[in-house]
């Protein structure tokens, strides 16, 4: 399904952004 190729990367990017924002709120820089 072509939608999978679009939705999955966006979901992963959203998750990464969420982790970044959560880390910023905690005052901790995310480890990459």
Protein backbone atom coordinates (compact mmCIF):
# COMPACT_ATOMS: atom_id res chain seq x y z
CA UNK A 1 0.00 0.00 0.00
CA UNK A 2 1.40 3.35 -1.02
CA UNK A 3 -0.13 5.04 2.03
CA UNK A 4 2.16 3.01 4.29
CA UNK A 5 5.25 4.57 2.71
CA UNK A 6 3.86 8.01 3.52
CA UNK A 7 2.34 7.46 6.95
CA UNK A 8 5.18 5.51 8.55
CA UNK A 9 7.98 8.09 8.03
CA UNK A 10 5.65 10.86 9.19
CA UNK A 11 4.73 8.90 12.29
CA UNK A 12 8.40 8.27 13.04
CA UNK A 13 9.21 11.96 12.56
CA UNK A 14 6.35 12.91 14.87
CA UNK A 15 7.65 10.45 17.47
CA UNK A 16 11.16 11.89 17.21
CA UNK A 17 9.79 15.41 17.62
CA UNK A 18 7.73 14.29 20.62
CA UNK A 19 10.82 12.80 22.26
CA UNK A 20 12.78 15.98 21.56
CA UNK A 21 10.06 18.16 23.09
CA UNK A 22 9.73 15.85 26.10
CA UNK A 23 13.50 15.97 26.63
CA UNK A 24 13.47 19.77 26.37
CA UNK A 25 10.75 19.98 29.00
CA UNK A 26 12.81 17.78 31.29
CA UNK A 27 15.87 19.92 30.66
CA UNK A 28 17.76 17.00 29.13
CA UNK A 29 19.27 16.91 25.66
CA UNK A 30 18.30 13.76 23.71
CA UNK A 31 21.11 11.30 23.00
CA UNK A 32 21.65 10.63 19.31
